[in-house]
PDB file of all heavy atoms in Angstrom:
ATOM      1  N   ALA A   1     -26.781 -67.221 -91.778  1.00  0.00           N
ATOM      2  CA  ALA A   1     -26.215 -65.860 -92.479  1.00  0.00           C
ATOM      3  C   ALA A   1     -26.698 -64.686 -91.736  1.00  0.00           C
ATOM      4  O   ALA A   1     -25.877 -63.687 -91.526  1.00  0.00           O
ATOM      5  CB  ALA A   1     -26.599 -65.945 -93.921  1.00  0.00           C
ATOM      6  N   ASN A   2     -27.867 -64.679 -91.220  1.00  0.00           N
ATOM      7  CA  ASN A   2     -28.501 -63.564 -90.541  1.00  0.00           C
ATOM      8  C   ASN A   2     -27.847 -63.279 -89.315  1.00  0.00           C
ATOM      9  O   ASN A   2     -27.391 -62.128 -88.945  1.00  0.00           O
ATOM     10  CB  ASN A   2     -29.947 -63.726 -90.282  1.00  0.00           C
ATOM     11  CG  ASN A   2     -30.762 -63.250 -91.558  1.00  0.00           C
ATOM     12  OD1 ASN A   2     -30.467 -62.218 -92.220  1.00  0.00           O
ATOM     13  ND2 ASN A   2     -31.851 -64.032 -91.805  1.00  0.00           N
ATOM     14  N   ARG A   3     -27.477 -64.332 -88.528  1.00  0.00           N
ATOM     15  CA  ARG A   3     -26.837 -64.221 -87.286  1.00  0.00           C
ATOM     16  C   ARG A   3     -25.440 -63.697 -87.361  1.00  0.00           C
ATOM     17  O   ARG A   3     -24.903 -62.963 -86.649  1.00  0.00           O
ATOM     18  CB  ARG A   3     -26.910 -65.658 -86.566  1.00  0.00           C
ATOM     19  CG  ARG A   3     -28.192 -65.870 -85.850  1.00  0.00           C
ATOM     20  CD  ARG A   3     -28.118 -66.955 -84.759  1.00  0.00           C
ATOM     21  NE  ARG A   3     -27.956 -68.203 -85.391  1.00  0.00           N
ATOM     22  CZ  ARG A   3     -28.912 -69.106 -85.834  1.00  0.00           C
ATOM     23  NH1 ARG A   3     -30.165 -68.697 -85.770  1.00  0.00           N
ATOM     24  NH2 ARG A   3     -28.639 -70.189 -86.400  1.00  0.00           N
ATOM     25  N   LEU A   4     -24.685 -64.235 -88.401  1.00  0.00           N
ATOM     26  CA  LEU A   4     -23.448 -63.952 -88.663  1.00  0.00           C
ATOM     27  C   LEU A   4     -23.307 -62.235 -89.001  1.00  0.00           C
ATOM     28  O   LEU A   4     -22.417 -61.597 -88.582  1.00  0.00           O
ATOM     29  CB  LEU A   4     -22.597 -64.660 -89.754  1.00  0.00           C
ATOM     30  CG  LEU A   4     -22.270 -66.097 -89.384  1.00  0.00           C
ATOM     31  CD1 LEU A   4     -21.735 -66.968 -90.633  1.00  0.00           C
ATOM     32  CD2 LEU A   4     -21.185 -66.046 -88.372  1.00  0.00           C
ATOM     33  N   ASN A   5     -24.358 -61.872 -89.832  1.00  0.00           N
ATOM     34  CA  ASN A   5     -24.442 -60.607 -90.190  1.00  0.00           C
ATOM     35  C   ASN A   5     -24.636 -59.536 -89.060  1.00  0.00           C
ATOM     36  O   ASN A   5     -24.139 -58.464 -89.165  1.00  0.00           O
ATOM     37  CB  ASN A   5     -25.520 -60.467 -91.276  1.00  0.00           C
ATOM     38  CG  ASN A   5     -25.195 -59.448 -92.443  1.00  0.00           C
ATOM     39  OD1 ASN A   5     -23.881 -59.108 -92.651  1.00  0.00           O
ATOM     40  ND2 ASN A   5     -26.177 -58.892 -93.105  1.00  0.00           N
ATOM     41  N   THR A   6     -25.453 -60.038 -88.122  1.00  0.00           N
ATOM     42  CA  THR A   6     -25.757 -59.163 -86.992  1.00  0.00           C
ATOM     43  C   THR A   6     -24.726 -59.218 -85.812  1.00  0.00           C
ATOM     44  O   THR A   6     -24.765 -58.281 -85.014  1.00  0.00           O
ATOM     45  CB  THR A   6     -27.221 -59.539 -86.480  1.00  0.00           C
ATOM     46  OG1 THR A   6     -27.261 -60.906 -86.186  1.00  0.00           O
ATOM     47  CG2 THR A   6     -28.267 -59.256 -87.567  1.00  0.00           C
ATOM     48  N   SER A   7     -24.014 -60.311 -85.790  1.00  0.00           N
ATOM     49  CA  SER A   7     -23.108 -60.433 -84.501  1.00  0.00           C
ATOM     50  C   SER A   7     -21.605 -60.370 -84.915  1.00  0.00           C
ATOM     51  O   SER A   7     -20.898 -59.578 -84.281  1.00  0.00           O
ATOM     52  CB  SER A   7     -23.332 -61.788 -83.839  1.00  0.00           C
ATOM     53  OG  SER A   7     -23.156 -62.846 -84.758  1.00  0.00           O
ATOM     54  N   LEU A   8     -21.241 -61.160 -85.969  1.00  0.00           N
ATOM     55  CA  LEU A   8     -19.783 -61.395 -86.309  1.00  0.00           C
ATOM     56  C   LEU A   8     -19.417 -60.077 -87.117  1.00  0.00           C
ATOM     57  O   LEU A   8     -18.261 -59.542 -86.792  1.00  0.00           O
ATOM     58  CB  LEU A   8     -19.583 -62.487 -87.120  1.00  0.00           C
ATOM     59  CG  LEU A   8     -18.185 -62.811 -87.549  1.00  0.00           C
ATOM     60  CD1 LEU A   8     -17.292 -63.138 -86.337  1.00  0.00           C
ATOM     61  CD2 LEU A   8     -18.026 -64.104 -88.413  1.00  0.00           C
ATOM     62  N   VAL A   9     -20.148 -59.552 -87.994  1.00  0.00           N
ATOM     63  CA  VAL A   9     -19.738 -58.398 -88.817  1.00  0.00           C
ATOM     64  C   VAL A   9     -19.393 -57.132 -87.887  1.00  0.00           C
ATOM     65  O   VAL A   9     -18.383 -56.553 -88.139  1.00  0.00           O
ATOM     66  CB  VAL A   9     -20.849 -58.159 -89.858  1.00  0.00           C
ATOM     67  CG1 VAL A   9     -20.456 -56.738 -90.606  1.00  0.00           C
ATOM     68  CG2 VAL A   9     -20.950 -59.213 -90.832  1.00  0.00           C
ATOM     69  N   PRO A  10     -20.304 -56.810 -86.909  1.00  0.00           N
ATOM     70  CA  PRO A  10     -19.950 -55.607 -86.086  1.00  0.00           C
ATOM     71  C   PRO A  10     -18.686 -55.824 -85.327  1.00  0.00           C
ATOM     72  O   PRO A  10     -17.948 -54.976 -85.050  1.00  0.00           O
ATOM     73  CB  PRO A  10     -21.190 -55.459 -85.202  1.00  0.00           C
ATOM     74  CG  PRO A  10     -22.227 -56.064 -86.065  1.00  0.00           C
ATOM     75  CD  PRO A  10     -21.591 -57.296 -86.709  1.00  0.00           C
ATOM     76  N   TRP A  11     -18.527 -57.088 -84.777  1.00  0.00           N
ATOM     77  CA  TRP A  11     -17.292 -57.448 -83.964  1.00  0.00           C
ATOM     78  C   TRP A  11     -16.056 -57.203 -84.929  1.00  0.00           C
ATOM     79  O   TRP A  11     -15.022 -56.695 -84.256  1.00  0.00           O
ATOM     80  CB  TRP A  11     -17.339 -58.811 -83.386  1.00  0.00           C
ATOM     81  CG  TRP A  11     -16.203 -59.244 -82.627  1.00  0.00           C
ATOM     82  CD1 TRP A  11     -15.915 -58.717 -81.356  1.00  0.00           C
ATOM     83  CD2 TRP A  11     -15.180 -60.143 -83.020  1.00  0.00           C
ATOM     84  NE1 TRP A  11     -14.792 -59.306 -80.873  1.00  0.00           N
ATOM     85  CE2 TRP A  11     -14.306 -60.162 -81.771  1.00  0.00           C
ATOM     86  CE3 TRP A  11     -14.869 -60.944 -84.149  1.00  0.00           C
ATOM     87  CZ2 TRP A  11     -13.167 -60.919 -81.925  1.00  0.00           C
ATOM     88  CZ3 TRP A  11     -13.780 -61.584 -84.145  1.00  0.00           C
ATOM     89  CH2 TRP A  11     -12.881 -61.607 -83.050  1.00  0.00           C
ATOM     90  N   LEU A  12     -16.005 -57.727 -86.146  1.00  0.00           N
ATOM     91  CA  LEU A  12     -14.909 -57.553 -86.968  1.00  0.00           C
ATOM     92  C   LEU A  12     -14.749 -56.225 -87.321  1.00  0.00           C
ATOM     93  O   LEU A  12     -13.482 -55.648 -87.598  1.00  0.00           O
ATOM     94  CB  LEU A  12     -15.107 -58.359 -88.193  1.00  0.00           C
ATOM     95  CG  LEU A  12     -15.069 -59.989 -88.164  1.00  0.00           C
ATOM     96  CD1 LEU A  12     -15.469 -60.680 -89.469  1.00  0.00           C
ATOM     97  CD2 LEU A  12     -13.797 -60.379 -87.598  1.00  0.00           C
ATOM     98  N   ALA A  13     -15.743 -55.308 -87.431  1.00  0.00           N
ATOM     99  CA  ALA A  13     -15.603 -53.929 -87.848  1.00  0.00           C
ATOM    100  C   ALA A  13     -14.656 -53.166 -86.769  1.00  0.00           C
ATOM    101  O   ALA A  13     -14.006 -52.216 -87.077  1.00  0.00           O
ATOM    102  CB  ALA A  13     -16.947 -53.272 -87.940  1.00  0.00           C
ATOM    103  N   LYS A  14     -14.725 -53.632 -85.506  1.00  0.00           N
ATOM    104  CA  LYS A  14     -13.944 -53.039 -84.502  1.00  0.00           C
ATOM    105  C   LYS A  14     -12.424 -53.092 -84.786  1.00  0.00           C
ATOM    106  O   LYS A  14     -11.734 -52.266 -84.331  1.00  0.00           O
ATOM    107  CB  LYS A  14     -14.197 -53.670 -83.101  1.00  0.00           C
ATOM    108  CG  LYS A  14     -15.664 -53.371 -82.635  1.00  0.00           C
ATOM    109  CD  LYS A  14     -15.942 -54.185 -81.316  1.00  0.00           C
ATOM    110  CE  LYS A  14     -17.378 -53.889 -80.876  1.00  0.00           C
ATOM    111  NZ  LYS A  14     -17.608 -54.630 -79.537  1.00  0.00           N
ATOM    112  N   PHE A  15     -12.038 -54.127 -85.485  1.00  0.00           N
ATOM    113  CA  PHE A  15     -10.644 -54.362 -85.816  1.00  0.00           C
ATOM    114  C   PHE A  15     -10.323 -53.863 -87.293  1.00  0.00           C
ATOM    115  O   PHE A  15      -9.219 -54.193 -87.849  1.00  0.00           O
ATOM    116  CB  PHE A  15     -10.369 -55.826 -85.746  1.00  0.00           C
ATOM    117  CG  PHE A  15     -10.616 -56.396 -84.398  1.00  0.00           C
ATOM    118  CD1 PHE A  15     -11.636 -57.062 -84.018  1.00  0.00           C
ATOM    119  CD2 PHE A  15      -9.514 -56.298 -83.404  1.00  0.00           C
ATOM    120  CE1 PHE A  15     -11.997 -57.591 -82.781  1.00  0.00           C
ATOM    121  CE2 PHE A  15      -9.881 -56.884 -82.085  1.00  0.00           C
ATOM    122  CZ  PHE A  15     -10.896 -57.564 -81.864  1.00  0.00           C
ATOM    123  N   GLY A  16     -11.320 -53.098 -87.756  1.00  0.00           N
ATOM    124  CA  GLY A  16     -10.952 -52.587 -89.125  1.00  0.00           C
ATOM    125  C   GLY A  16     -11.243 -53.543 -90.336  1.00  0.00           C
ATOM    126  O   GLY A  16     -10.925 -53.257 -91.523  1.00  0.00           O
ATOM    127  N   ILE A  17     -12.015 -54.712 -90.076  1.00  0.00           N
ATOM    128  CA  ILE A  17     -12.323 -55.674 -90.960  1.00  0.00           C
ATOM    129  C   ILE A  17     -13.753 -55.479 -91.320  1.00  0.00           C
ATOM    130  O   ILE A  17     -14.648 -55.780 -90.587  1.00  0.00           O
ATOM    131  CB  ILE A  17     -12.060 -57.031 -90.635  1.00  0.00           C
ATOM    132  CG1 ILE A  17     -10.604 -57.284 -90.017  1.00  0.00           C
ATOM    133  CG2 ILE A  17     -12.427 -58.093 -91.629  1.00  0.00           C
ATOM    134  CD1 ILE A  17     -10.304 -58.549 -89.562  1.00  0.00           C
ATOM    135  N   ASN A  18     -14.003 -54.835 -92.644  1.00  0.00           N
ATOM    136  CA  ASN A  18     -15.286 -54.533 -92.928  1.00  0.00           C
ATOM    137  C   ASN A  18     -15.809 -55.492 -93.999  1.00  0.00           C
ATOM    138  O   ASN A  18     -15.322 -55.500 -95.230  1.00  0.00           O
ATOM    139  CB  ASN A  18     -15.486 -53.187 -93.534  1.00  0.00           C
ATOM    140  CG  ASN A  18     -15.103 -51.998 -92.479  1.00  0.00           C
ATOM    141  OD1 ASN A  18     -15.526 -52.127 -91.292  1.00  0.00           O
ATOM    142  ND2 ASN A  18     -14.263 -51.146 -92.755  1.00  0.00           N
ATOM    143  N   ILE A  19     -16.727 -56.363 -93.595  1.00  0.00           N
ATOM    144  CA  ILE A  19     -17.376 -57.415 -94.560  1.00  0.00           C
ATOM    145  C   ILE A  19     -18.823 -57.301 -94.421  1.00  0.00           C
ATOM    146  O   ILE A  19     -19.434 -56.777 -93.331  1.00  0.00           O
ATOM    147  CB  ILE A  19     -16.900 -58.811 -94.305  1.00  0.00           C
ATOM    148  CG1 ILE A  19     -17.192 -59.321 -92.987  1.00  0.00           C
ATOM    149  CG2 ILE A  19     -15.394 -58.805 -94.746  1.00  0.00           C
ATOM    150  CD1 ILE A  19     -17.016 -60.828 -92.766  1.00  0.00           C
ATOM    151  N   SER A  20     -19.508 -57.806 -95.402  1.00  0.00           N
ATOM    152  CA  SER A  20     -21.073 -57.874 -95.237  1.00  0.00           C
ATOM    153  C   SER A  20     -21.585 -58.966 -95.928  1.00  0.00           C
ATOM    154  O   SER A  20     -21.171 -59.179 -97.188  1.00  0.00           O
ATOM    155  CB  SER A  20     -21.689 -56.520 -95.754  1.00  0.00           C
ATOM    156  OG  SER A  20     -23.016 -56.572 -95.797  1.00  0.00           O
ATOM    157  N   LEU A  21     -22.354 -59.798 -95.349  1.00  0.00           N
ATOM    158  CA  LEU A  21     -23.011 -60.953 -96.037  1.00  0.00           C
ATOM    159  C   LEU A  21     -24.264 -60.557 -96.698  1.00  0.00           C
ATOM    160  O   LEU A  21     -25.129 -59.923 -96.215  1.00  0.00           O
ATOM    161  CB  LEU A  21     -23.232 -62.072 -94.930  1.00  0.00           C
ATOM    162  CG  LEU A  21     -21.996 -62.793 -94.364  1.00  0.00           C
ATOM    163  CD1 LEU A  21     -22.536 -63.697 -93.242  1.00  0.00           C
ATOM    164  CD2 LEU A  21     -21.284 -63.524 -95.445  1.00  0.00           C
ATOM    165  N   ASP A  22     -24.394 -61.011 -97.890  1.00  0.00           N
ATOM    166  CA  ASP A  22     -25.591 -60.588 -98.682  1.00  0.00           C
ATOM    167  C   ASP A  22     -26.567 -61.791 -98.424  1.00  0.00           C
ATOM    168  O   ASP A  22     -26.540 -62.821 -99.059  1.00  0.00           O
ATOM    169  CB  ASP A  22     -25.363 -60.672-100.233  1.00  0.00           C
ATOM    170  CG  ASP A  22     -26.547 -60.111-101.059  1.00  0.00           C
ATOM    171  OD1 ASP A  22     -27.596 -60.143-100.392  1.00  0.00           O
ATOM    172  OD2 ASP A  22     -26.298 -59.863-102.272  1.00  0.00           O
ATOM    173  N   VAL A  23     -27.488 -61.652 -97.404  1.00  0.00           N
ATOM    174  CA  VAL A  23     -28.380 -62.707 -97.095  1.00  0.00           C
ATOM    175  C   VAL A  23     -29.306 -63.106 -98.155  1.00  0.00           C
ATOM    176  O   VAL A  23     -29.695 -64.259 -98.355  1.00  0.00           O
ATOM    177  CB  VAL A  23     -29.275 -62.182 -95.882  1.00  0.00           C
ATOM    178  CG1 VAL A  23     -30.270 -63.394 -95.392  1.00  0.00           C
ATOM    179  CG2 VAL A  23     -28.311 -61.831 -94.658  1.00  0.00           C
ATOM    180  N   ASP A  24     -29.678 -62.059 -98.955  1.00  0.00           N
ATOM    181  CA  ASP A  24     -30.600 -62.483-100.167  1.00  0.00           C
ATOM    182  C   ASP A  24     -29.892 -63.500-101.087  1.00  0.00           C
ATOM    183  O   ASP A  24     -30.582 -64.342-101.602  1.00  0.00           O
ATOM    184  CB  ASP A  24     -31.079 -61.331-100.923  1.00  0.00           C
ATOM    185  CG  ASP A  24     -31.932 -60.445-100.025  1.00  0.00           C
ATOM    186  OD1 ASP A  24     -32.658 -60.953 -99.047  1.00  0.00           O
ATOM    187  OD2 ASP A  24     -31.972 -59.095-100.111  1.00  0.00           O
ATOM    188  N   SER A  25     -28.550 -63.266-101.398  1.00  0.00           N
ATOM    189  CA  SER A  25     -27.937 -64.131-102.268  1.00  0.00           C
ATOM    190  C   SER A  25     -27.823 -65.494-101.592  1.00  0.00           C
ATOM    191  O   SER A  25     -27.775 -66.556-102.260  1.00  0.00           O
ATOM    192  CB  SER A  25     -26.505 -63.609-102.481  1.00  0.00           C
ATOM    193  OG  SER A  25     -26.421 -62.307-103.116  1.00  0.00           O
ATOM    194  N   VAL A  26     -27.634 -65.564-100.296  1.00  0.00           N
ATOM    195  CA  VAL A  26     -27.386 -66.792 -99.679  1.00  0.00           C
ATOM    196  C   VAL A  26     -28.879 -67.593 -99.702  1.00  0.00           C
ATOM    197  O   VAL A  26     -28.825 -68.756-100.097  1.00  0.00           O
ATOM    198  CB  VAL A  26     -27.235 -66.662 -98.086  1.00  0.00           C
ATOM    199  CG1 VAL A  26     -27.333 -67.962 -97.459  1.00  0.00           C
ATOM    200  CG2 VAL A  26     -25.756 -66.211 -98.032  1.00  0.00           C
ATOM    201  N   LYS A  27     -29.932 -66.894 -99.521  1.00  0.00           N
ATOM    202  CA  LYS A  27     -31.247 -67.493 -99.759  1.00  0.00           C
ATOM    203  C   LYS A  27     -31.562 -68.001-101.175  1.00  0.00           C
ATOM    204  O   LYS A  27     -31.953 -69.117-101.377  1.00  0.00           O
ATOM    205  CB  LYS A  27     -32.347 -66.538 -99.351  1.00  0.00           C
ATOM    206  CG  LYS A  27     -32.372 -66.215 -97.867  1.00  0.00           C
ATOM    207  CD  LYS A  27     -33.533 -65.315 -97.491  1.00  0.00           C
ATOM    208  CE  LYS A  27     -33.524 -65.015 -95.962  1.00  0.00           C
ATOM    209  NZ  LYS A  27     -34.600 -64.039 -95.656  1.00  0.00           N
ATOM    210  N   SER A  28     -31.115 -67.233-102.131  1.00  0.00           N
ATOM    211  CA  SER A  28     -31.258 -67.613-103.552  1.00  0.00           C
ATOM    212  C   SER A  28     -30.371 -68.882-103.818  1.00  0.00           C
ATOM    213  O   SER A  28     -30.766 -69.731-104.616  1.00  0.00           O
ATOM    214  CB  SER A  28     -30.898 -66.499-104.484  1.00  0.00           C
ATOM    215  OG  SER A  28     -29.548 -66.217-104.353  1.00  0.00           O
ATOM    216  N   PHE A  29     -29.177 -68.921-103.204  1.00  0.00           N
ATOM    217  CA  PHE A  29     -28.167 -70.063-103.372  1.00  0.00           C
ATOM    218  C   PHE A  29     -28.899 -71.360-102.887  1.00  0.00           C
ATOM    219  O   PHE A  29     -28.966 -72.362-103.444  1.00  0.00           O
ATOM    220  CB  PHE A  29     -26.853 -69.818-102.710  1.00  0.00           C
ATOM    221  CG  PHE A  29     -26.104 -71.043-102.595  1.00  0.00           C
ATOM    222  CD1 PHE A  29     -25.375 -71.480-103.666  1.00  0.00           C
ATOM    223  CD2 PHE A  29     -26.072 -71.847-101.358  1.00  0.00           C
ATOM    224  CE1 PHE A  29     -24.527 -72.592-103.459  1.00  0.00           C
ATOM    225  CE2 PHE A  29     -25.285 -73.002-101.109  1.00  0.00           C
ATOM    226  CZ  PHE A  29     -24.599 -73.375-102.325  1.00  0.00           C
ATOM    227  N   VAL A  30     -29.578 -71.172-101.677  1.00  0.00           N
ATOM    228  CA  VAL A  30     -30.248 -72.404-101.020  1.00  0.00           C
ATOM    229  C   VAL A  30     -31.298 -72.798-101.995  1.00  0.00           C
ATOM    230  O   VAL A  30     -31.513 -73.988-102.143  1.00  0.00           O
ATOM    231  CB  VAL A  30     -30.664 -71.967 -99.711  1.00  0.00           C
ATOM    232  CG1 VAL A  30     -31.680 -73.009 -99.104  1.00  0.00           C
ATOM    233  CG2 VAL A  30     -29.629 -71.702 -98.662  1.00  0.00           C
ATOM    234  N   VAL A  31     -32.155 -71.868-102.478  1.00  0.00           N
ATOM    235  CA  VAL A  31     -33.362 -72.217-103.281  1.00  0.00           C
ATOM    236  C   VAL A  31     -32.798 -72.922-104.571  1.00  0.00           C
ATOM    237  O   VAL A  31     -33.482 -73.836-105.039  1.00  0.00           O
ATOM    238  CB  VAL A  31     -34.156 -71.104-103.583  1.00  0.00           C
ATOM    239  CG1 VAL A  31     -35.184 -71.463-104.623  1.00  0.00           C
ATOM    240  CG2 VAL A  31     -34.802 -70.456-102.349  1.00  0.00           C
ATOM    241  N   LYS A  32     -31.726 -72.412-105.120  1.00  0.00           N
ATOM    242  CA  LYS A  32     -31.348 -72.866-106.488  1.00  0.00           C
ATOM    243  C   LYS A  32     -30.625 -74.234-106.351  1.00  0.00           C
ATOM    244  O   LYS A  32     -30.866 -75.078-107.280  1.00  0.00           O
ATOM    245  CB  LYS A  32     -30.387 -71.921-107.135  1.00  0.00           C
ATOM    246  CG  LYS A  32     -29.949 -72.256-108.504  1.00  0.00           C
ATOM    247  CD  LYS A  32     -28.946 -71.108-109.089  1.00  0.00           C
ATOM    248  CE  LYS A  32     -28.571 -71.526-110.612  1.00  0.00           C
ATOM    249  NZ  LYS A  32     -27.772 -70.526-111.118  1.00  0.00           N
ATOM    250  N   TYR A  33     -29.785 -74.393-105.313  1.00  0.00           N
ATOM    251  CA  TYR A  33     -28.863 -75.563-105.358  1.00  0.00           C
ATOM    252  C   TYR A  33     -29.434 -76.695-104.387  1.00  0.00           C
ATOM    253  O   TYR A  33     -29.485 -77.770-104.623  1.00  0.00           O
ATOM    254  CB  TYR A  33     -27.452 -75.251-105.112  1.00  0.00           C
ATOM    255  CG  TYR A  33     -26.783 -74.526-106.162  1.00  0.00           C
ATOM    256  CD1 TYR A  33     -26.626 -73.033-106.289  1.00  0.00           C
ATOM    257  CD2 TYR A  33     -26.427 -75.157-107.357  1.00  0.00           C
ATOM    258  CE1 TYR A  33     -26.088 -72.331-107.302  1.00  0.00           C
ATOM    259  CE2 TYR A  33     -25.781 -74.358-108.462  1.00  0.00           C
ATOM    260  CZ  TYR A  33     -25.723 -73.003-108.279  1.00  0.00           C
ATOM    261  OH  TYR A  33     -25.276 -72.401-109.417  1.00  0.00           O
ATOM    262  N   LEU A  34     -29.780 -76.149-103.185  1.00  0.00           N
ATOM    263  CA  LEU A  34     -30.069 -77.230-102.020  1.00  0.00           C
ATOM    264  C   LEU A  34     -31.560 -77.714-102.124  1.00  0.00           C
ATOM    265  O   LEU A  34     -31.887 -78.648-101.434  1.00  0.00           O
ATOM    266  CB  LEU A  34     -29.698 -76.622-100.710  1.00  0.00           C
ATOM    267  CG  LEU A  34     -28.146 -76.340-100.469  1.00  0.00           C
ATOM    268  CD1 LEU A  34     -28.046 -75.807 -99.166  1.00  0.00           C
ATOM    269  CD2 LEU A  34     -27.334 -77.487-100.801  1.00  0.00           C
TER     270      LEU A  34
END
């Protein structure tokens, strides 16, 4: 999730696609379910 947030998100922003991954939510999901 961190790597996607730092590499994929800026690349998509060049095409007008603005998304952001909530890394803290991903970590909480891992702790809670996995």
